[in-house]
Amino acid sequence: GAARYINYVLTEYATNGAVPQTTQFQYQAVPVGDA
């Protein structure tokens, strides 16, 4: 699920070589169901 989420983040925020900022996505203790 995280891999799919990163795919989405890069699609939305990494266009034209931009580096996604940590304010634009979740990266720490992100819930996926009970995990």
Full PDB file with SEQRES, HELIX, SHEET, SSBOND, CRYST1, ORIGX, SCALE, CONECT and MASTER records, all heavy atoms in Angstrom:
SEQRES   1 A   35  GLY ALA ALA ARG TYR ILE ASN TYR VAL LEU THR GLU TYR          
SEQRES   2 A   35  ALA THR ASN GLY ALA VAL PRO GLN THR THR GLN PHE GLN          
SEQRES   3 A   35  TYR GLN ALA VAL PRO VAL GLY ASP ALA                          
HELIX    1 AA1 ALA A    2  TYR A   13  1                                  12    
HELIX    2 AA2 THR A   15  GLY A   17  5                                   3    
HELIX    3 AA3 THR A   22  GLN A   24  5                                   3    
CRYST1    1.000    1.000    1.000  90.00  90.00  90.00 P 1           1          
ORIGX1      1.000000  0.000000  0.000000        0.00000                         
ORIGX2      0.000000  1.000000  0.000000        0.00000                         
ORIGX3      0.000000  0.000000  1.000000        0.00000                         
SCALE1      1.000000  0.000000  0.000000        0.00000                         
SCALE2      0.000000  1.000000  0.000000        0.00000                         
SCALE3      0.000000  0.000000  1.000000        0.00000                         
ATOM      1  N   GLY A   1       0.817  -1.211   0.000  1.00  0.00           N  
ATOM      2  CA  GLY A   1       0.000   0.000   0.000  1.00  0.00           C  
ATOM      3  C   GLY A   1       0.847   1.255   0.000  1.00  0.00           C  
ATOM      4  O   GLY A   1       0.520   2.245  -0.678  1.00  0.00           O  
ATOM      5  N   ALA A   2       1.959   1.221   0.745  1.00  0.00           N  
ATOM      6  CA  ALA A   2       2.864   2.368   0.790  1.00  0.00           C  
ATOM      7  C   ALA A   2       3.477   2.628  -0.584  1.00  0.00           C  
ATOM      8  O   ALA A   2       3.633   3.778  -1.006  1.00  0.00           O  
ATOM      9  CB  ALA A   2       3.965   2.131   1.820  1.00  0.00           C  
ATOM     10  N   ALA A   3       3.838   1.554  -1.293  1.00  0.00           N  
ATOM     11  CA  ALA A   3       4.420   1.713  -2.632  1.00  0.00           C  
ATOM     12  C   ALA A   3       3.420   2.388  -3.573  1.00  0.00           C  
ATOM     13  O   ALA A   3       3.782   3.262  -4.366  1.00  0.00           O  
ATOM     14  CB  ALA A   3       4.842   0.351  -3.184  1.00  0.00           C  
ATOM     15  N   ARG A   4       2.148   2.009  -3.457  1.00  0.00           N  
ATOM     16  CA  ARG A   4       1.127   2.650  -4.294  1.00  0.00           C  
ATOM     17  C   ARG A   4       0.937   4.109  -3.887  1.00  0.00           C  
ATOM     18  O   ARG A   4       0.712   4.976  -4.734  1.00  0.00           O  
ATOM     19  CB  ARG A   4      -0.201   1.893  -4.163  1.00  0.00           C  
ATOM     20  CG  ARG A   4      -0.151   0.491  -4.733  1.00  0.00           C  
ATOM     21  CD  ARG A   4      -1.523  -0.126  -4.815  1.00  0.00           C  
ATOM     22  NE  ARG A   4      -1.462  -1.431  -5.445  1.00  0.00           N  
ATOM     23  CZ  ARG A   4      -2.468  -1.969  -6.128  1.00  0.00           C  
ATOM     24  NH1 ARG A   4      -3.583  -1.268  -6.299  1.00  0.00           N  
ATOM     25  NH2 ARG A   4      -2.359  -3.155  -6.649  1.00  0.00           N  
ATOM     26  N   TYR A   5       1.030   4.349  -2.598  1.00  0.00           N  
ATOM     27  CA  TYR A   5       0.890   5.725  -2.107  1.00  0.00           C  
ATOM     28  C   TYR A   5       2.030   6.597  -2.628  1.00  0.00           C  
ATOM     29  O   TYR A   5       1.800   7.734  -3.071  1.00  0.00           O  
ATOM     30  CB  TYR A   5       0.873   5.712  -0.583  1.00  0.00           C  
ATOM     31  CG  TYR A   5       0.848   7.087   0.051  1.00  0.00           C  
ATOM     32  CD1 TYR A   5      -0.214   7.957  -0.151  1.00  0.00           C  
ATOM     33  CD2 TYR A   5       1.909   7.513   0.855  1.00  0.00           C  
ATOM     34  CE1 TYR A   5      -0.241   9.212   0.426  1.00  0.00           C  
ATOM     35  CE2 TYR A   5       1.895   8.763   1.447  1.00  0.00           C  
ATOM     36  CZ  TYR A   5       0.822   9.609   1.228  1.00  0.00           C  
ATOM     37  OH  TYR A   5       0.807  10.860   1.808  1.00  0.00           O  
ATOM     38  N   ILE A   6       3.251   6.079  -2.615  1.00  0.00           N  
ATOM     39  CA  ILE A   6       4.395   6.834  -3.126  1.00  0.00           C  
ATOM     40  C   ILE A   6       4.230   7.090  -4.619  1.00  0.00           C  
ATOM     41  O   ILE A   6       4.576   8.170  -5.121  1.00  0.00           O  
ATOM     42  CB  ILE A   6       5.713   6.089  -2.843  1.00  0.00           C  
ATOM     43  CG1 ILE A   6       5.941   5.972  -1.343  1.00  0.00           C  
ATOM     44  CG2 ILE A   6       6.891   6.818  -3.491  1.00  0.00           C  
ATOM     45  CD1 ILE A   6       5.909   7.277  -0.597  1.00  0.00           C  
ATOM     46  N   ASN A   7       3.702   6.112  -5.331  1.00  0.00           N  
ATOM     47  CA  ASN A   7       3.429   6.310  -6.755  1.00  0.00           C  
ATOM     48  C   ASN A   7       2.493   7.496  -6.957  1.00  0.00           C  
ATOM     49  O   ASN A   7       2.715   8.332  -7.838  1.00  0.00           O  
ATOM     50  CB  ASN A   7       2.822   5.035  -7.333  1.00  0.00           C  
ATOM     51  CG  ASN A   7       2.710   5.074  -8.843  1.00  0.00           C  
ATOM     52  OD1 ASN A   7       1.947   5.843  -9.406  1.00  0.00           O  
ATOM     53  ND2 ASN A   7       3.478   4.220  -9.499  1.00  0.00           N  
ATOM     54  N   TYR A   8       1.474   7.582  -6.122  1.00  0.00           N  
ATOM     55  CA  TYR A   8       0.535   8.707  -6.194  1.00  0.00           C  
ATOM     56  C   TYR A   8       1.230  10.022  -5.855  1.00  0.00           C  
ATOM     57  O   TYR A   8       1.043  11.038  -6.543  1.00  0.00           O  
ATOM     58  CB  TYR A   8      -0.631   8.462  -5.239  1.00  0.00           C  
ATOM     59  CG  TYR A   8      -1.434   9.704  -4.930  1.00  0.00           C  
ATOM     60  CD1 TYR A   8      -2.375  10.190  -5.825  1.00  0.00           C  
ATOM     61  CD2 TYR A   8      -1.228  10.394  -3.733  1.00  0.00           C  
ATOM     62  CE1 TYR A   8      -3.103  11.341  -5.546  1.00  0.00           C  
ATOM     63  CE2 TYR A   8      -1.948  11.543  -3.448  1.00  0.00           C  
ATOM     64  CZ  TYR A   8      -2.883  12.015  -4.351  1.00  0.00           C  
ATOM     65  OH  TYR A   8      -3.591  13.157  -4.071  1.00  0.00           O  
ATOM     66  N   VAL A   9       2.035  10.019  -4.790  1.00  0.00           N  
ATOM     67  CA  VAL A   9       2.735  11.235  -4.368  1.00  0.00           C  
ATOM     68  C   VAL A   9       3.628  11.753  -5.486  1.00  0.00           C  
ATOM     69  O   VAL A   9       3.641  12.957  -5.791  1.00  0.00           O  
ATOM     70  CB  VAL A   9       3.565  10.966  -3.092  1.00  0.00           C  
ATOM     71  CG1 VAL A   9       4.503  12.135  -2.798  1.00  0.00           C  
ATOM     72  CG2 VAL A   9       2.651  10.720  -1.900  1.00  0.00           C  
ATOM     73  N   LEU A  10       4.369  10.855  -6.123  1.00  0.00           N  
ATOM     74  CA  LEU A  10       5.272  11.272  -7.202  1.00  0.00           C  
ATOM     75  C   LEU A  10       4.489  11.760  -8.423  1.00  0.00           C  
ATOM     76  O   LEU A  10       4.921  12.682  -9.105  1.00  0.00           O  
ATOM     77  CB  LEU A  10       6.195  10.116  -7.580  1.00  0.00           C  
ATOM     78  CG  LEU A  10       7.178   9.661  -6.494  1.00  0.00           C  
ATOM     79  CD1 LEU A  10       7.994   8.468  -6.969  1.00  0.00           C  
ATOM     80  CD2 LEU A  10       8.099  10.802  -6.079  1.00  0.00           C  
ATOM     81  N   THR A  11       3.359  11.140  -8.675  1.00  0.00           N  
ATOM     82  CA  THR A  11       2.523  11.592  -9.797  1.00  0.00           C  
ATOM     83  C   THR A  11       2.010  13.006  -9.567  1.00  0.00           C  
ATOM     84  O   THR A  11       1.976  13.832 -10.488  1.00  0.00           O  
ATOM     85  CB  THR A  11       1.340  10.634  -9.992  1.00  0.00           C  
ATOM     86  OG1 THR A  11       1.828   9.319 -10.279  1.00  0.00           O  
ATOM     87  CG2 THR A  11       0.449  11.099 -11.141  1.00  0.00           C  
ATOM     88  N   GLU A  12       1.644  13.305  -8.325  1.00  0.00           N  
ATOM     89  CA  GLU A  12       1.053  14.597  -8.001  1.00  0.00           C  
ATOM     90  C   GLU A  12       2.090  15.694  -7.776  1.00  0.00           C  
ATOM     91  O   GLU A  12       1.876  16.847  -8.157  1.00  0.00           O  
ATOM     92  CB  GLU A  12       0.180  14.463  -6.746  1.00  0.00           C  
ATOM     93  CG  GLU A  12      -1.073  13.634  -6.942  1.00  0.00           C  
ATOM     94  CD  GLU A  12      -2.048  14.293  -7.895  1.00  0.00           C  
ATOM     95  OE1 GLU A  12      -2.293  15.513  -7.758  1.00  0.00           O  
ATOM     96  OE2 GLU A  12      -2.570  13.592  -8.786  1.00  0.00           O  
ATOM     97  N   TYR A  13       3.208  15.362  -7.143  1.00  0.00           N  
ATOM     98  CA  TYR A  13       4.115  16.403  -6.659  1.00  0.00           C  
ATOM     99  C   TYR A  13       5.526  16.347  -7.252  1.00  0.00           C  
ATOM    100  O   TYR A  13       6.365  17.188  -6.901  1.00  0.00           O  
ATOM    101  CB  TYR A  13       4.232  16.323  -5.129  1.00  0.00           C  
ATOM    102  CG  TYR A  13       2.902  16.419  -4.430  1.00  0.00           C  
ATOM    103  CD1 TYR A  13       2.381  15.339  -3.724  1.00  0.00           C  
ATOM    104  CD2 TYR A  13       2.144  17.588  -4.484  1.00  0.00           C  
ATOM    105  CE1 TYR A  13       1.148  15.413  -3.084  1.00  0.00           C  
ATOM    106  CE2 TYR A  13       0.915  17.681  -3.848  1.00  0.00           C  
ATOM    107  CZ  TYR A  13       0.423  16.593  -3.150  1.00  0.00           C  
ATOM    108  OH  TYR A  13      -0.793  16.674  -2.521  1.00  0.00           O  
ATOM    109  N   ALA A  14       5.817  15.382  -8.119  1.00  0.00           N  
ATOM    110  CA  ALA A  14       7.167  15.277  -8.680  1.00  0.00           C  
ATOM    111  C   ALA A  14       7.179  15.550 -10.179  1.00  0.00           C  
ATOM    112  O   ALA A  14       8.048  15.050 -10.892  1.00  0.00           O  
ATOM    113  CB  ALA A  14       7.760  13.898  -8.386  1.00  0.00           C  
ATOM    114  N   THR A  15       6.234  16.342 -10.656  1.00  0.00           N  
ATOM    115  CA  THR A  15       6.197  16.657 -12.080  1.00  0.00           C  
ATOM    116  C   THR A  15       7.330  17.612 -12.452  1.00  0.00           C  
ATOM    117  O   THR A  15       7.738  18.454 -11.650  1.00  0.00           O  
ATOM    118  CB  THR A  15       4.846  17.299 -12.452  1.00  0.00           C  
ATOM    119  OG1 THR A  15       4.627  18.441 -11.611  1.00  0.00           O  
ATOM    120  CG2 THR A  15       3.714  16.309 -12.256  1.00  0.00           C  
ATOM    121  N   ASN A  16       7.843  17.450 -13.663  1.00  0.00           N  
ATOM    122  CA  ASN A  16       8.914  18.308 -14.194  1.00  0.00           C  
ATOM    123  C   ASN A  16      10.153  18.334 -13.304  1.00  0.00           C  
ATOM    124  O   ASN A  16      10.838  19.343 -13.205  1.00  0.00           O  
ATOM    125  CB  ASN A  16       8.395  19.732 -14.398  1.00  0.00           C  
ATOM    126  CG  ASN A  16       7.271  19.797 -15.411  1.00  0.00           C  
ATOM    127  OD1 ASN A  16       7.306  19.117 -16.432  1.00  0.00           O  
ATOM    128  ND2 ASN A  16       6.264  20.609 -15.129  1.00  0.00           N  
ATOM    129  N   GLY A  17      10.429  17.216 -12.646  1.00  0.00           N  
ATOM    130  CA  GLY A  17      11.659  17.115 -11.868  1.00  0.00           C  
ATOM    131  C   GLY A  17      11.607  17.717 -10.489  1.00  0.00           C  
ATOM    132  O   GLY A  17      12.641  17.859  -9.846  1.00  0.00           O  
ATOM    133  N   ALA A  18      10.411  18.060 -10.000  1.00  0.00           N  
ATOM    134  CA  ALA A  18      10.297  18.636  -8.657  1.00  0.00           C  
ATOM    135  C   ALA A  18      10.529  17.549  -7.609  1.00  0.00           C  
ATOM    136  O   ALA A  18      10.208  16.379  -7.814  1.00  0.00           O  
ATOM    137  CB  ALA A  18       8.917  19.255  -8.464  1.00  0.00           C  
ATOM    138  N   VAL A  19      11.101  17.949  -6.474  1.00  0.00           N  
ATOM    139  CA  VAL A  19      11.305  17.045  -5.348  1.00  0.00           C  
ATOM    140  C   VAL A  19      10.160  17.254  -4.357  1.00  0.00           C  
ATOM    141  O   VAL A  19      10.004  18.345  -3.821  1.00  0.00           O  
ATOM    142  CB  VAL A  19      12.654  17.307  -4.652  1.00  0.00           C  
ATOM    143  CG1 VAL A  19      12.819  16.393  -3.439  1.00  0.00           C  
ATOM    144  CG2 VAL A  19      13.803  17.106  -5.638  1.00  0.00           C  
ATOM    145  N   PRO A  20       9.326  16.236  -4.110  1.00  0.00           N  
ATOM    146  CA  PRO A  20       8.209  16.410  -3.171  1.00  0.00           C  
ATOM    147  C   PRO A  20       8.705  16.827  -1.790  1.00  0.00           C  
ATOM    148  O   PRO A  20       9.694  16.294  -1.284  1.00  0.00           O  
ATOM    149  CB  PRO A  20       7.569  15.014  -3.122  1.00  0.00           C  
ATOM    150  CG  PRO A  20       7.970  14.369  -4.409  1.00  0.00           C  
ATOM    151  CD  PRO A  20       9.340  14.898  -4.714  1.00  0.00           C  
ATOM    152  N   GLN A  21       8.017  17.792  -1.192  1.00  0.00           N  
ATOM    153  CA  GLN A  21       8.356  18.259   0.148  1.00  0.00           C  
ATOM    154  C   GLN A  21       7.648  17.394   1.189  1.00  0.00           C  
ATOM    155  O   GLN A  21       6.573  16.857   0.936  1.00  0.00           O  
ATOM    156  CB  GLN A  21       7.948  19.723   0.314  1.00  0.00           C  
ATOM    157  CG  GLN A  21       8.598  20.653  -0.700  1.00  0.00           C  
ATOM    158  CD  GLN A  21      10.125  20.617  -0.622  1.00  0.00           C  
ATOM    159  OE1 GLN A  21      10.711  20.818   0.443  1.00  0.00           O  
ATOM    160  NE2 GLN A  21      10.752  20.368  -1.759  1.00  0.00           N  
ATOM    161  N   THR A  22       8.244  17.262   2.348  1.00  0.00           N  
ATOM    162  CA  THR A  22       7.669  16.402   3.383  1.00  0.00           C  
ATOM    163  C   THR A  22       6.337  16.928   3.898  1.00  0.00           C  
ATOM    164  O   THR A  22       5.594  16.191   4.550  1.00  0.00           O  
ATOM    165  CB  THR A  22       8.644  16.249   4.554  1.00  0.00           C  
ATOM    166  OG1 THR A  22       9.061  17.544   5.020  1.00  0.00           O  
ATOM    167  CG2 THR A  22       9.869  15.457   4.138  1.00  0.00           C  
ATOM    168  N   THR A  23       6.023  18.183   3.597  1.00  0.00           N  
ATOM    169  CA  THR A  23       4.719  18.733   3.993  1.00  0.00           C  
ATOM    170  C   THR A  23       3.604  18.274   3.053  1.00  0.00           C  
ATOM    171  O   THR A  23       2.430  18.488   3.342  1.00  0.00           O  
ATOM    172  CB  THR A  23       4.769  20.274   4.003  1.00  0.00           C  
ATOM    173  OG1 THR A  23       5.203  20.736   2.717  1.00  0.00           O  
ATOM    174  CG2 THR A  23       5.732  20.775   5.069  1.00  0.00           C  
ATOM    175  N   GLN A  24       3.984  17.638   1.942  1.00  0.00           N  
ATOM    176  CA  GLN A  24       3.007  17.250   0.937  1.00  0.00           C  
ATOM    177  C   GLN A  24       2.547  15.799   1.056  1.00  0.00           C  
ATOM    178  O   GLN A  24       1.638  15.378   0.339  1.00  0.00           O  
ATOM    179  CB  GLN A  24       3.583  17.490  -0.465  1.00  0.00           C  
ATOM    180  CG  GLN A  24       3.881  18.949  -0.766  1.00  0.00           C  
ATOM    181  CD  GLN A  24       4.598  19.133  -2.093  1.00  0.00           C  
ATOM    182  OE1 GLN A  24       5.519  18.391  -2.437  1.00  0.00           O  
ATOM    183  NE2 GLN A  24       4.157  20.114  -2.866  1.00  0.00           N  
ATOM    184  N   PHE A  25       3.173  15.027   1.929  1.00  0.00           N  
ATOM    185  CA  PHE A  25       2.790  13.621   2.052  1.00  0.00           C  
ATOM    186  C   PHE A  25       3.103  13.116   3.454  1.00  0.00           C  
ATOM    187  O   PHE A  25       3.839  13.737   4.212  1.00  0.00           O  
ATOM    188  CB  PHE A  25       3.498  12.766   1.001  1.00  0.00           C  
ATOM    189  CG  PHE A  25       5.000  12.741   1.121  1.00  0.00           C  
ATOM    190  CD1 PHE A  25       5.656  11.710   1.778  1.00  0.00           C  
ATOM    191  CD2 PHE A  25       5.780  13.756   0.559  1.00  0.00           C  
ATOM    192  CE1 PHE A  25       7.041  11.685   1.892  1.00  0.00           C  
ATOM    193  CE2 PHE A  25       7.164  13.749   0.653  1.00  0.00           C  
ATOM    194  CZ  PHE A  25       7.791  12.707   1.331  1.00  0.00           C  
ATOM    195  N   GLN A  26       2.529  11.973   3.802  1.00  0.00           N  
ATOM    196  CA  GLN A  26       2.760  11.348   5.095  1.00  0.00           C  
ATOM    197  C   GLN A  26       3.895  10.340   4.979  1.00  0.00           C  
ATOM    198  O   GLN A  26       4.033   9.659   3.961  1.00  0.00           O  
ATOM    199  CB  GLN A  26       1.492  10.666   5.590  1.00  0.00           C  
ATOM    200  CG  GLN A  26       0.338  11.639   5.800  1.00  0.00           C  
ATOM    201  CD  GLN A  26      -0.891  10.961   6.357  1.00  0.00           C  
ATOM    202  OE1 GLN A  26      -0.791   9.925   7.014  1.00  0.00           O  
ATOM    203  NE2 GLN A  26      -2.054  11.538   6.107  1.00  0.00           N  
ATOM    204  N   TYR A  27       4.688  10.230   6.009  1.00  0.00           N  
ATOM    205  CA  TYR A  27       5.897   9.408   5.909  1.00  0.00           C  
ATOM    206  C   TYR A  27       6.269   8.712   7.209  1.00  0.00           C  
ATOM    207  O   TYR A  27       7.246   7.975   7.248  1.00  0.00           O  
ATOM    208  CB  TYR A  27       7.075  10.289   5.479  1.00  0.00           C  
ATOM    209  CG  TYR A  27       7.261  11.521   6.341  1.00  0.00           C  
ATOM    210  CD1 TYR A  27       8.030  11.486   7.500  1.00  0.00           C  
ATOM    211  CD2 TYR A  27       6.653  12.726   6.004  1.00  0.00           C  
ATOM    212  CE1 TYR A  27       8.185  12.612   8.290  1.00  0.00           C  
ATOM    213  CE2 TYR A  27       6.798  13.852   6.782  1.00  0.00           C  
ATOM    214  CZ  TYR A  27       7.573  13.793   7.922  1.00  0.00           C  
ATOM    215  OH  TYR A  27       7.718  14.915   8.705  1.00  0.00           O  
ATOM    216  N   GLN A  28       5.508   8.900   8.272  1.00  0.00           N  
ATOM    217  CA  GLN A  28       5.897   8.360   9.563  1.00  0.00           C  
ATOM    218  C   GLN A  28       4.675   7.778  10.290  1.00  0.00           C  
ATOM    219  O   GLN A  28       3.689   8.452  10.519  1.00  0.00           O  
ATOM    220  CB  GLN A  28       6.533   9.461  10.417  1.00  0.00           C  
ATOM    221  CG  GLN A  28       7.132   8.976  11.717  1.00  0.00           C  
ATOM    222  CD  GLN A  28       7.865  10.095  12.445  1.00  0.00           C  
ATOM    223  OE1 GLN A  28       7.995  11.196  11.926  1.00  0.00           O  
ATOM    224  NE2 GLN A  28       8.353   9.811  13.634  1.00  0.00           N  
ATOM    225  N   ALA A  29       4.752   6.459  10.609  1.00  0.00           N  
ATOM    226  CA  ALA A  29       3.664   5.764  11.301  1.00  0.00           C  
ATOM    227  C   ALA A  29       2.325   5.966  10.593  1.00  0.00           C  
ATOM    228  O   ALA A  29       1.311   6.250  11.215  1.00  0.00           O  
ATOM    229  CB  ALA A  29       3.577   6.221  12.759  1.00  0.00           C  
ATOM    230  N   VAL A  30       2.339   5.796   9.280  1.00  0.00           N  
ATOM    231  CA  VAL A  30       1.127   5.990   8.488  1.00  0.00           C  
ATOM    232  C   VAL A  30       0.277   4.720   8.572  1.00  0.00           C  
ATOM    233  O   VAL A  30       0.757   3.625   8.266  1.00  0.00           O  
ATOM    234  CB  VAL A  30       1.472   6.298   7.020  1.00  0.00           C  
ATOM    235  CG1 VAL A  30       0.210   6.579   6.221  1.00  0.00           C  
ATOM    236  CG2 VAL A  30       2.441   7.472   6.941  1.00  0.00           C  
ATOM    237  N   PRO A  31      -0.992   4.804   8.992  1.00  0.00           N  
ATOM    238  CA  PRO A  31      -1.813   3.599   9.159  1.00  0.00           C  
ATOM    239  C   PRO A  31      -2.306   3.037   7.835  1.00  0.00           C  
ATOM    240  O   PRO A  31      -2.722   3.763   6.940  1.00  0.00           O  
ATOM    241  CB  PRO A  31      -2.982   4.098  10.010  1.00  0.00           C  
ATOM    242  CG  PRO A  31      -3.094   5.554   9.690  1.00  0.00           C  
ATOM    243  CD  PRO A  31      -1.695   6.031   9.418  1.00  0.00           C  
ATOM    244  N   VAL A  32      -2.224   1.713   7.726  1.00  0.00           N  
ATOM    245  CA  VAL A  32      -2.835   0.972   6.622  1.00  0.00           C  
ATOM    246  C   VAL A  32      -3.569  -0.192   7.286  1.00  0.00           C  
ATOM    247  O   VAL A  32      -2.964  -1.212   7.610  1.00  0.00           O  
ATOM    248  CB  VAL A  32      -1.799   0.453   5.621  1.00  0.00           C  
ATOM    249  CG1 VAL A  32      -2.488  -0.333   4.499  1.00  0.00           C  
ATOM    250  CG2 VAL A  32      -0.988   1.591   5.028  1.00  0.00           C  
ATOM    251  N   GLY A  33      -4.858  -0.036   7.526  1.00  0.00           N  
ATOM    252  CA  GLY A  33      -5.574  -1.016   8.330  1.00  0.00           C  
ATOM    253  C   GLY A  33      -5.048  -0.981   9.750  1.00  0.00           C  
ATOM    254  O   GLY A  33      -4.936   0.087  10.368  1.00  0.00           O  
ATOM    255  N   ASP A  34      -4.679  -2.150  10.273  1.00  0.00           N  
ATOM    256  CA  ASP A  34      -4.106  -2.231  11.625  1.00  0.00           C  
ATOM    257  C   ASP A  34      -2.589  -2.122  11.613  1.00  0.00           C  
ATOM    258  O   ASP A  34      -1.954  -2.153  12.672  1.00  0.00           O  
ATOM    259  CB  ASP A  34      -4.507  -3.555  12.287  1.00  0.00           C  
ATOM    260  CG  ASP A  34      -5.999  -3.621  12.584  1.00  0.00           C  
ATOM    261  OD1 ASP A  34      -6.594  -2.551  12.807  1.00  0.00           O  
ATOM    262  OD2 ASP A  34      -6.565  -4.732  12.567  1.00  0.00           O  
ATOM    263  N   ALA A  35      -1.987  -2.037  10.423  1.00  0.00           N  
ATOM    264  CA  ALA A  35      -0.529  -1.910  10.297  1.00  0.00           C  
ATOM    265  C   ALA A  35      -0.149  -0.443  10.103  1.00  0.00           C  
ATOM    266  O   ALA A  35      -1.006   0.418   9.886  1.00  0.00           O  
ATOM    267  CB  ALA A  35      -0.032  -2.749   9.128  1.00  0.00           C  
TER     268      ALA A  35                                                      
MASTER        0    0    0    3    0    0    0    6  267    1    0    3          
END                                                                             
